[in-house]
Structure formats: C-alpha cells, structure tokens
Amino acid sequence: MEIGDVVKSLKGRDTGRVFVVCELVDNNFVNLVNGDTRKLENKKRKRLKHIEVIGHTQVLNKQNLLDADIKKTCKTYLNGGKDA
C-alpha cells in the first residue's frame, strides 16, 4: 500500500465507496480521502484489511491540490475508468 493508491472500501457503512490513500498511519491503518464526504481536512482512518486497491493516481503530487481533484479521480474509478 502506498500514498496515491485508489482503493475501494470492503467493510463498514462506506462499503463500495472509492477513496484515495493520502497517508500511511502504521502497518494496519491508512488515512483516506474522497473529496466529497471525506475531505483533506477530515480524513477517514481505515484498516488495511477492509480496503482493496483498484488503481493508482498521481493527483496527490499536484502542487495546489483541491478536494475537487480528488473527487473527480474517485468518480472516474467508481465508473470503472482509469485515471488520466
């Protein structure tokens, strides 16, 4: 697991939602954002065993990162596409 991975939630009330890994907490947890319900200032902490990697994005390497950029990336993967 690395920063920038696009993941899908497998457990919890957010099951099926797409997130981007923004921070590695430790060997068991990561912080996730999706630009909609979980913004950069309110990250979601989730166990690694409750998420599945579905892709990777470079959106977090952007200079002036906005929640809208993350939201667009998550929406693209939710619709089955790949990040541009």
PDB file of N, CA and C in Angstrom:
ATOM      1  N   MET A   1       0.857  -1.173   0.000  1.00  0.00           N
ATOM      2  CA  MET A   1       0.000   0.000   0.000  1.00  0.00           C
ATOM      3  C   MET A   1       0.901   1.232   0.000  1.00  0.00           C
ATOM      4  N   GLU A   2       0.568   2.207  -0.827  1.00  0.00           N
ATOM      5  CA  GLU A   2       1.337   3.447  -0.871  1.00  0.00           C
ATOM      6  C   GLU A   2       0.421   4.643  -1.091  1.00  0.00           C
ATOM      7  N   ILE A   3       0.961   5.811  -0.817  1.00  0.00           N
ATOM      8  CA  ILE A   3       0.204   7.048  -0.999  1.00  0.00           C
ATOM      9  C   ILE A   3      -0.128   7.211  -2.477  1.00  0.00           C
ATOM     10  N   GLY A   4      -1.369   7.533  -2.770  1.00  0.00           N
ATOM     11  CA  GLY A   4      -1.823   7.687  -4.143  1.00  0.00           C
ATOM     12  C   GLY A   4      -2.598   6.486  -4.660  1.00  0.00           C
ATOM     13  N   ASP A   5      -2.615   5.388  -3.908  1.00  0.00           N
ATOM     14  CA  ASP A   5      -3.406   4.231  -4.322  1.00  0.00           C
ATOM     15  C   ASP A   5      -4.893   4.569  -4.248  1.00  0.00           C
ATOM     16  N   VAL A   6      -5.635   4.138  -5.244  1.00  0.00           N
ATOM     17  CA  VAL A   6      -7.084   4.294  -5.251  1.00  0.00           C
ATOM     18  C   VAL A   6      -7.650   2.982  -4.714  1.00  0.00           C
ATOM     19  N   VAL A   7      -8.480   3.083  -3.681  1.00  0.00           N
ATOM     20  CA  VAL A   7      -8.977   1.890  -3.004  1.00  0.00           C
ATOM     21  C   VAL A   7     -10.499   1.905  -2.924  1.00  0.00           C
ATOM     22  N   LYS A   8     -11.056   0.710  -2.743  1.00  0.00           N
ATOM     23  CA  LYS A   8     -12.491   0.541  -2.571  1.00  0.00           C
ATOM     24  C   LYS A   8     -12.720  -0.031  -1.180  1.00  0.00           C
ATOM     25  N   SER A   9     -13.679   0.520  -0.462  1.00  0.00           N
ATOM     26  CA  SER A   9     -13.999   0.061   0.887  1.00  0.00           C
ATOM     27  C   SER A   9     -14.766  -1.254   0.816  1.00  0.00           C
ATOM     28  N   LEU A  10     -14.347  -2.225   1.638  1.00  0.00           N
ATOM     29  CA  LEU A  10     -14.990  -3.529   1.658  1.00  0.00           C
ATOM     30  C   LEU A  10     -15.892  -3.727   2.868  1.00  0.00           C
ATOM     31  N   LYS A  11     -15.671  -2.961   3.936  1.00  0.00           N
ATOM     32  CA  LYS A  11     -16.427  -3.112   5.187  1.00  0.00           C
ATOM     33  C   LYS A  11     -16.832  -1.752   5.733  1.00  0.00           C
ATOM     34  N   GLY A  12     -17.874  -1.740   6.539  1.00  0.00           N
ATOM     35  CA  GLY A  12     -18.322  -0.524   7.204  1.00  0.00           C
ATOM     36  C   GLY A  12     -19.472   0.139   6.470  1.00  0.00           C
ATOM     37  N   ARG A  13     -19.891   1.272   7.011  1.00  0.00           N
ATOM     38  CA  ARG A  13     -21.020   1.974   6.390  1.00  0.00           C
ATOM     39  C   ARG A  13     -20.649   2.644   5.082  1.00  0.00           C
ATOM     40  N   ASP A  14     -19.359   2.708   4.760  1.00  0.00           N
ATOM     41  CA  ASP A  14     -18.900   3.274   3.489  1.00  0.00           C
ATOM     42  C   ASP A  14     -18.564   2.187   2.466  1.00  0.00           C
ATOM     43  N   THR A  15     -19.092   0.991   2.646  1.00  0.00           N
ATOM     44  CA  THR A  15     -18.829  -0.133   1.740  1.00  0.00           C
ATOM     45  C   THR A  15     -19.145   0.239   0.291  1.00  0.00           C
ATOM     46  N   GLY A  16     -18.203  -0.050  -0.596  1.00  0.00           N
ATOM     47  CA  GLY A  16     -18.391   0.222  -2.016  1.00  0.00           C
ATOM     48  C   GLY A  16     -17.906   1.584  -2.461  1.00  0.00           C
ATOM     49  N   ARG A  17     -17.581   2.473  -1.534  1.00  0.00           N
ATOM     50  CA  ARG A  17     -17.095   3.804  -1.905  1.00  0.00           C
ATOM     51  C   ARG A  17     -15.624   3.754  -2.285  1.00  0.00           C
ATOM     52  N   VAL A  18     -15.236   4.700  -3.125  1.00  0.00           N
ATOM     53  CA  VAL A  18     -13.859   4.783  -3.615  1.00  0.00           C
ATOM     54  C   VAL A  18     -13.153   5.928  -2.895  1.00  0.00           C
ATOM     55  N   PHE A  19     -11.907   5.667  -2.460  1.00  0.00           N
ATOM     56  CA  PHE A  19     -11.091   6.645  -1.755  1.00  0.00           C
ATOM     57  C   PHE A  19      -9.688   6.663  -2.344  1.00  0.00           C
ATOM     58  N   VAL A  20      -8.916   7.685  -1.974  1.00  0.00           N
ATOM     59  CA  VAL A  20      -7.505   7.770  -2.320  1.00  0.00           C
ATOM     60  C   VAL A  20      -6.717   7.757  -1.016  1.00  0.00           C
ATOM     61  N   VAL A  21      -5.657   6.934  -0.964  1.00  0.00           N
ATOM     62  CA  VAL A  21      -4.803   6.879   0.224  1.00  0.00           C
ATOM     63  C   VAL A  21      -3.961   8.152   0.265  1.00  0.00           C
ATOM     64  N   CYS A  22      -4.096   8.918   1.353  1.00  0.00           N
ATOM     65  CA  CYS A  22      -3.343  10.168   1.465  1.00  0.00           C
ATOM     66  C   CYS A  22      -2.246  10.090   2.514  1.00  0.00           C
ATOM     67  N   GLU A  23      -2.306   9.074   3.380  1.00  0.00           N
ATOM     68  CA  GLU A  23      -1.313   8.974   4.448  1.00  0.00           C
ATOM     69  C   GLU A  23      -1.271   7.546   4.978  1.00  0.00           C
ATOM     70  N   LEU A  24      -0.064   7.045   5.231  1.00  0.00           N
ATOM     71  CA  LEU A  24       0.114   5.745   5.869  1.00  0.00           C
ATOM     72  C   LEU A  24       0.285   5.991   7.361  1.00  0.00           C
ATOM     73  N   VAL A  25      -0.595   5.434   8.189  1.00  0.00           N
ATOM     74  CA  VAL A  25      -0.534   5.657   9.631  1.00  0.00           C
ATOM     75  C   VAL A  25       0.451   4.691  10.271  1.00  0.00           C
ATOM     76  N   ASP A  26       0.263   3.394  10.048  1.00  0.00           N
ATOM     77  CA  ASP A  26       1.184   2.362  10.533  1.00  0.00           C
ATOM     78  C   ASP A  26       0.980   1.112   9.685  1.00  0.00           C
ATOM     79  N   ASN A  27       1.363  -0.055  10.202  1.00  0.00           N
ATOM     80  CA  ASN A  27       1.253  -1.297   9.425  1.00  0.00           C
ATOM     81  C   ASN A  27      -0.187  -1.768   9.251  1.00  0.00           C
ATOM     82  N   ASN A  28      -1.126  -1.216  10.021  1.00  0.00           N
ATOM     83  CA  ASN A  28      -2.516  -1.672   9.961  1.00  0.00           C
ATOM     84  C   ASN A  28      -3.509  -0.635   9.462  1.00  0.00           C
ATOM     85  N   PHE A  29      -3.146   0.647   9.477  1.00  0.00           N
ATOM     86  CA  PHE A  29      -4.094   1.704   9.154  1.00  0.00           C
ATOM     87  C   PHE A  29      -3.559   2.678   8.107  1.00  0.00           C
ATOM     88  N   VAL A  30      -4.499   3.253   7.335  1.00  0.00           N
ATOM     89  CA  VAL A  30      -4.202   4.339   6.402  1.00  0.00           C
ATOM     90  C   VAL A  30      -5.254   5.416   6.573  1.00  0.00           C
ATOM     91  N   ASN A  31      -4.948   6.629   6.132  1.00  0.00           N
ATOM     92  CA  ASN A  31      -5.928   7.705   6.087  1.00  0.00           C
ATOM     93  C   ASN A  31      -6.376   7.873   4.651  1.00  0.00           C
ATOM     94  N   LEU A  32      -7.695   8.008   4.466  1.00  0.00           N
ATOM     95  CA  LEU A  32      -8.292   8.072   3.138  1.00  0.00           C
ATOM     96  C   LEU A  32      -9.061   9.370   2.955  1.00  0.00           C
ATOM     97  N   VAL A  33      -9.136   9.828   1.703  1.00  0.00           N
ATOM     98  CA  VAL A  33      -9.964  10.978   1.325  1.00  0.00           C
ATOM     99  C   VAL A  33     -10.691  10.641   0.033  1.00  0.00           C
ATOM    100  N   ASN A  34     -11.860  11.287  -0.166  1.00  0.00           N
ATOM    101  CA  ASN A  34     -12.559  11.113  -1.435  1.00  0.00           C
ATOM    102  C   ASN A  34     -13.039  12.442  -2.017  1.00  0.00           C
ATOM    103  N   GLY A  35     -12.745  13.544  -1.341  1.00  0.00           N
ATOM    104  CA  GLY A  35     -13.098  14.857  -1.859  1.00  0.00           C
ATOM    105  C   GLY A  35     -14.559  15.224  -1.689  1.00  0.00           C
ATOM    106  N   ASP A  36     -15.378  14.304  -1.221  1.00  0.00           N
ATOM    107  CA  ASP A  36     -16.810  14.557  -1.056  1.00  0.00           C
ATOM    108  C   ASP A  36     -17.180  14.459   0.425  1.00  0.00           C
ATOM    109  N   THR A  37     -17.371  13.259   0.921  1.00  0.00           N
ATOM    110  CA  THR A  37     -17.708  13.082   2.330  1.00  0.00           C
ATOM    111  C   THR A  37     -16.473  13.129   3.219  1.00  0.00           C
ATOM    112  N   ARG A  38     -15.326  12.798   2.678  1.00  0.00           N
ATOM    113  CA  ARG A  38     -14.058  12.837   3.413  1.00  0.00           C
ATOM    114  C   ARG A  38     -13.091  13.746   2.669  1.00  0.00           C
ATOM    115  N   LYS A  39     -12.946  14.954   3.185  1.00  0.00           N
ATOM    116  CA  LYS A  39     -12.087  15.955   2.551  1.00  0.00           C
ATOM    117  C   LYS A  39     -10.698  15.929   3.169  1.00  0.00           C
ATOM    118  N   LEU A  40      -9.801  16.714   2.627  1.00  0.00           N
ATOM    119  CA  LEU A  40      -8.412  16.731   3.083  1.00  0.00           C
ATOM    120  C   LEU A  40      -8.277  17.089   4.561  1.00  0.00           C
ATOM    121  N   GLU A  41      -9.152  17.927   5.076  1.00  0.00           N
ATOM    122  CA  GLU A  41      -9.055  18.314   6.476  1.00  0.00           C
ATOM    123  C   GLU A  41      -9.806  17.363   7.407  1.00  0.00           C
ATOM    124  N   ASN A  42     -10.507  16.364   6.860  1.00  0.00           N
ATOM    125  CA  ASN A  42     -11.272  15.404   7.661  1.00  0.00           C
ATOM    126  C   ASN A  42     -11.079  14.000   7.086  1.00  0.00           C
ATOM    127  N   LYS A  43      -9.885  13.463   7.257  1.00  0.00           N
ATOM    128  CA  LYS A  43      -9.528  12.172   6.657  1.00  0.00           C
ATOM    129  C   LYS A  43     -10.208  11.007   7.375  1.00  0.00           C
ATOM    130  N   LYS A  44     -10.405   9.920   6.647  1.00  0.00           N
ATOM    131  CA  LYS A  44     -11.000   8.700   7.185  1.00  0.00           C
ATOM    132  C   LYS A  44      -9.886   7.709   7.501  1.00  0.00           C
ATOM    133  N   ARG A  45      -9.842   7.243   8.747  1.00  0.00           N
ATOM    134  CA  ARG A  45      -8.864   6.230   9.136  1.00  0.00           C
ATOM    135  C   ARG A  45      -9.498   4.862   8.939  1.00  0.00           C
ATOM    136  N   LYS A  46      -8.801   3.969   8.226  1.00  0.00           N
ATOM    137  CA  LYS A  46      -9.380   2.668   7.894  1.00  0.00           C
ATOM    138  C   LYS A  46      -8.310   1.585   7.961  1.00  0.00           C
ATOM    139  N   ARG A  47      -8.705   0.399   8.397  1.00  0.00           N
ATOM    140  CA  ARG A  47      -7.794  -0.746   8.431  1.00  0.00           C
ATOM    141  C   ARG A  47      -7.486  -1.227   7.017  1.00  0.00           C
ATOM    142  N   LEU A  48      -6.251  -1.688   6.830  1.00  0.00           N
ATOM    143  CA  LEU A  48      -5.833  -2.187   5.520  1.00  0.00           C
ATOM    144  C   LEU A  48      -6.656  -3.397   5.078  1.00  0.00           C
ATOM    145  N   LYS A  49      -7.048  -4.236   6.019  1.00  0.00           N
ATOM    146  CA  LYS A  49      -7.798  -5.441   5.642  1.00  0.00           C
ATOM    147  C   LYS A  49      -9.229  -5.129   5.203  1.00  0.00           C
ATOM    148  N   HIS A  50      -9.677  -3.887   5.384  1.00  0.00           N
ATOM    149  CA  HIS A  50     -11.033  -3.507   4.997  1.00  0.00           C
ATOM    150  C   HIS A  50     -11.091  -2.723   3.694  1.00  0.00           C
ATOM    151  N   ILE A  51      -9.969  -2.657   2.971  1.00  0.00           N
ATOM    152  CA  ILE A  51      -9.941  -1.957   1.684  1.00  0.00           C
ATOM    153  C   ILE A  51      -9.243  -2.810   0.630  1.00  0.00           C
ATOM    154  N   GLU A  52      -9.552  -2.507  -0.637  1.00  0.00           N
ATOM    155  CA  GLU A  52      -8.981  -3.225  -1.772  1.00  0.00           C
ATOM    156  C   GLU A  52      -8.426  -2.196  -2.754  1.00  0.00           C
ATOM    157  N   VAL A  53      -7.178  -2.389  -3.170  1.00  0.00           N
ATOM    158  CA  VAL A  53      -6.553  -1.471  -4.131  1.00  0.00           C
ATOM    159  C   VAL A  53      -7.129  -1.737  -5.516  1.00  0.00           C
ATOM    160  N   ILE A  54      -7.586  -0.664  -6.183  1.00  0.00           N
ATOM    161  CA  ILE A  54      -8.143  -0.817  -7.532  1.00  0.00           C
ATOM    162  C   ILE A  54      -7.381   0.002  -8.561  1.00  0.00           C
ATOM    163  N   GLY A  55      -6.387   0.770  -8.112  1.00  0.00           N
ATOM    164  CA  GLY A  55      -5.609   1.567  -9.056  1.00  0.00           C
ATOM    165  C   GLY A  55      -4.628   2.481  -8.341  1.00  0.00           C
ATOM    166  N   HIS A  56      -4.021   3.362  -9.099  1.00  0.00           N
ATOM    167  CA  HIS A  56      -3.070   4.330  -8.551  1.00  0.00           C
ATOM    168  C   HIS A  56      -3.240   5.641  -9.307  1.00  0.00           C
ATOM    169  N   THR A  57      -3.065   6.751  -8.603  1.00  0.00           N
ATOM    170  CA  THR A  57      -3.204   8.065  -9.203  1.00  0.00           C
ATOM    171  C   THR A  57      -2.047   8.962  -8.792  1.00  0.00           C
ATOM    172  N   GLN A  58      -1.751   9.943  -9.608  1.00  0.00           N
ATOM    173  CA  GLN A  58      -0.712  10.933  -9.306  1.00  0.00           C
ATOM    174  C   GLN A  58      -1.329  12.245  -8.835  1.00  0.00           C
ATOM    175  N   VAL A  59      -2.626  12.264  -8.558  1.00  0.00           N
ATOM    176  CA  VAL A  59      -3.324  13.501  -8.207  1.00  0.00           C
ATOM    177  C   VAL A  59      -2.766  14.126  -6.927  1.00  0.00           C
ATOM    178  N   LEU A  60      -2.254  13.314  -5.991  1.00  0.00           N
ATOM    179  CA  LEU A  60      -1.723  13.850  -4.741  1.00  0.00           C
ATOM    180  C   LEU A  60      -0.383  14.549  -4.921  1.00  0.00           C
ATOM    181  N   ASN A  61       0.264  14.365  -6.067  1.00  0.00           N
ATOM    182  CA  ASN A  61       1.533  15.028  -6.345  1.00  0.00           C
ATOM    183  C   ASN A  61       1.338  16.436  -6.887  1.00  0.00           C
ATOM    184  N   LYS A  62       0.090  16.820  -7.119  1.00  0.00           N
ATOM    185  CA  LYS A  62      -0.230  18.124  -7.680  1.00  0.00           C
ATOM    186  C   LYS A  62       0.122  19.242  -6.696  1.00  0.00           C
ATOM    187  N   GLN A  63       0.562  20.373  -7.207  1.00  0.00           N
ATOM    188  CA  GLN A  63       1.018  21.495  -6.378  1.00  0.00           C
ATOM    189  C   GLN A  63      -0.099  22.072  -5.500  1.00  0.00           C
ATOM    190  N   ASN A  64      -1.155  22.540  -6.083  1.00  0.00           N
ATOM    191  CA  ASN A  64      -2.288  23.122  -5.350  1.00  0.00           C
ATOM    192  C   ASN A  64      -3.453  22.139  -5.380  1.00  0.00           C
ATOM    193  N   LEU A  65      -3.378  21.136  -4.536  1.00  0.00           N
ATOM    194  CA  LEU A  65      -4.369  20.070  -4.526  1.00  0.00           C
ATOM    195  C   LEU A  65      -5.689  20.548  -3.924  1.00  0.00           C
ATOM    196  N   LEU A  66      -6.767  20.271  -4.614  1.00  0.00           N
ATOM    197  CA  LEU A  66      -8.111  20.627  -4.152  1.00  0.00           C
ATOM    198  C   LEU A  66      -8.937  19.364  -3.957  1.00  0.00           C
ATOM    199  N   ASP A  67      -9.946  19.459  -3.100  1.00  0.00           N
ATOM    200  CA  ASP A  67     -10.857  18.333  -2.894  1.00  0.00           C
ATOM    201  C   ASP A  67     -11.565  17.961  -4.197  1.00  0.00           C
ATOM    202  N   ALA A  68     -11.810  18.930  -5.048  1.00  0.00           N
ATOM    203  CA  ALA A  68     -12.484  18.670  -6.330  1.00  0.00           C
ATOM    204  C   ALA A  68     -11.652  17.753  -7.220  1.00  0.00           C
ATOM    205  N   ASP A  69     -10.327  17.871  -7.168  1.00  0.00           N
ATOM    206  CA  ASP A  69      -9.452  16.997  -7.956  1.00  0.00           C
ATOM    207  C   ASP A  69      -9.558  15.550  -7.468  1.00  0.00           C
ATOM    208  N   ILE A  70      -9.584  15.376  -6.166  1.00  0.00           N
ATOM    209  CA  ILE A  70      -9.699  14.040  -5.585  1.00  0.00           C
ATOM    210  C   ILE A  70     -11.073  13.453  -5.897  1.00  0.00           C
ATOM    211  N   LYS A  71     -12.099  14.277  -5.785  1.00  0.00           N
ATOM    212  CA  LYS A  71     -13.470  13.833  -6.071  1.00  0.00           C
ATOM    213  C   LYS A  71     -13.597  13.353  -7.517  1.00  0.00           C
ATOM    214  N   LYS A  72     -12.989  14.082  -8.436  1.00  0.00           N
ATOM    215  CA  LYS A  72     -13.037  13.714  -9.856  1.00  0.00           C
ATOM    216  C   LYS A  72     -12.338  12.374 -10.090  1.00  0.00           C
ATOM    217  N   THR A  73     -11.195  12.172  -9.435  1.00  0.00           N
ATOM    218  CA  THR A  73     -10.458  10.915  -9.561  1.00  0.00           C
ATOM    219  C   THR A  73     -11.275   9.750  -9.028  1.00  0.00           C
ATOM    220  N   CYS A  74     -11.872   9.915  -7.857  1.00  0.00           N
ATOM    221  CA  CYS A  74     -12.690   8.855  -7.260  1.00  0.00           C
ATOM    222  C   CYS A  74     -13.896   8.522  -8.129  1.00  0.00           C
ATOM    223  N   LYS A  75     -14.513   9.540  -8.697  1.00  0.00           N
ATOM    224  CA  LYS A  75     -15.680   9.330  -9.559  1.00  0.00           C
ATOM    225  C   LYS A  75     -15.290   8.557 -10.818  1.00  0.00           C
ATOM    226  N   THR A  76     -14.130   8.859 -11.361  1.00  0.00           N
ATOM    227  CA  THR A  76     -13.637   8.147 -12.548  1.00  0.00           C
ATOM    228  C   THR A  76     -13.482   6.660 -12.260  1.00  0.00           C
ATOM    229  N   TYR A  77     -12.872   6.325 -11.126  1.00  0.00           N
ATOM    230  CA  TYR A  77     -12.675   4.916 -10.767  1.00  0.00           C
ATOM    231  C   TYR A  77     -13.973   4.238 -10.387  1.00  0.00           C
ATOM    232  N   LEU A  78     -14.904   4.957  -9.803  1.00  0.00           N
ATOM    233  CA  LEU A  78     -16.193   4.395  -9.432  1.00  0.00           C
ATOM    234  C   LEU A  78     -16.967   3.968 -10.676  1.00  0.00           C
ATOM    235  N   ASN A  79     -16.789   4.717 -11.773  1.00  0.00           N
ATOM    236  CA  ASN A  79     -17.455   4.398 -13.032  1.00  0.00           C
ATOM    237  C   ASN A  79     -16.678   3.387 -13.860  1.00  0.00           C
ATOM    238  N   GLY A  80     -15.610   2.816 -13.289  1.00  0.00           N
ATOM    239  CA  GLY A  80     -14.864   1.768 -13.976  1.00  0.00           C
ATOM    240  C   GLY A  80     -13.771   2.250 -14.896  1.00  0.00           C
ATOM    241  N   GLY A  81     -13.538   3.557 -14.946  1.00  0.00           N
ATOM    242  CA  GLY A  81     -12.498   4.084 -15.806  1.00  0.00           C
ATOM    243  C   GLY A  81     -11.153   4.125 -15.119  1.00  0.00           C
ATOM    244  N   LYS A  82     -10.169   4.607 -15.835  1.00  0.00           N
ATOM    245  CA  LYS A  82      -8.827   4.759 -15.292  1.00  0.00           C
ATOM    246  C   LYS A  82      -8.504   6.228 -15.198  1.00  0.00           C
ATOM    247  N   ASP A  83      -7.645   6.577 -14.248  1.00  0.00           N
ATOM    248  CA  ASP A  83      -7.231   7.973 -14.034  1.00  0.00           C
ATOM    249  C   ASP A  83      -6.388   8.458 -15.207  1.00  0.00           C
ATOM    250  N   ALA A  84      -6.638   9.676 -15.621  1.00  0.00           N
ATOM    251  CA  ALA A  84      -5.891  10.247 -16.747  1.00  0.00           C
ATOM    252  C   ALA A  84      -4.623  10.897 -16.267  1.00  0.00           C
TER     253      ALA A  84
END
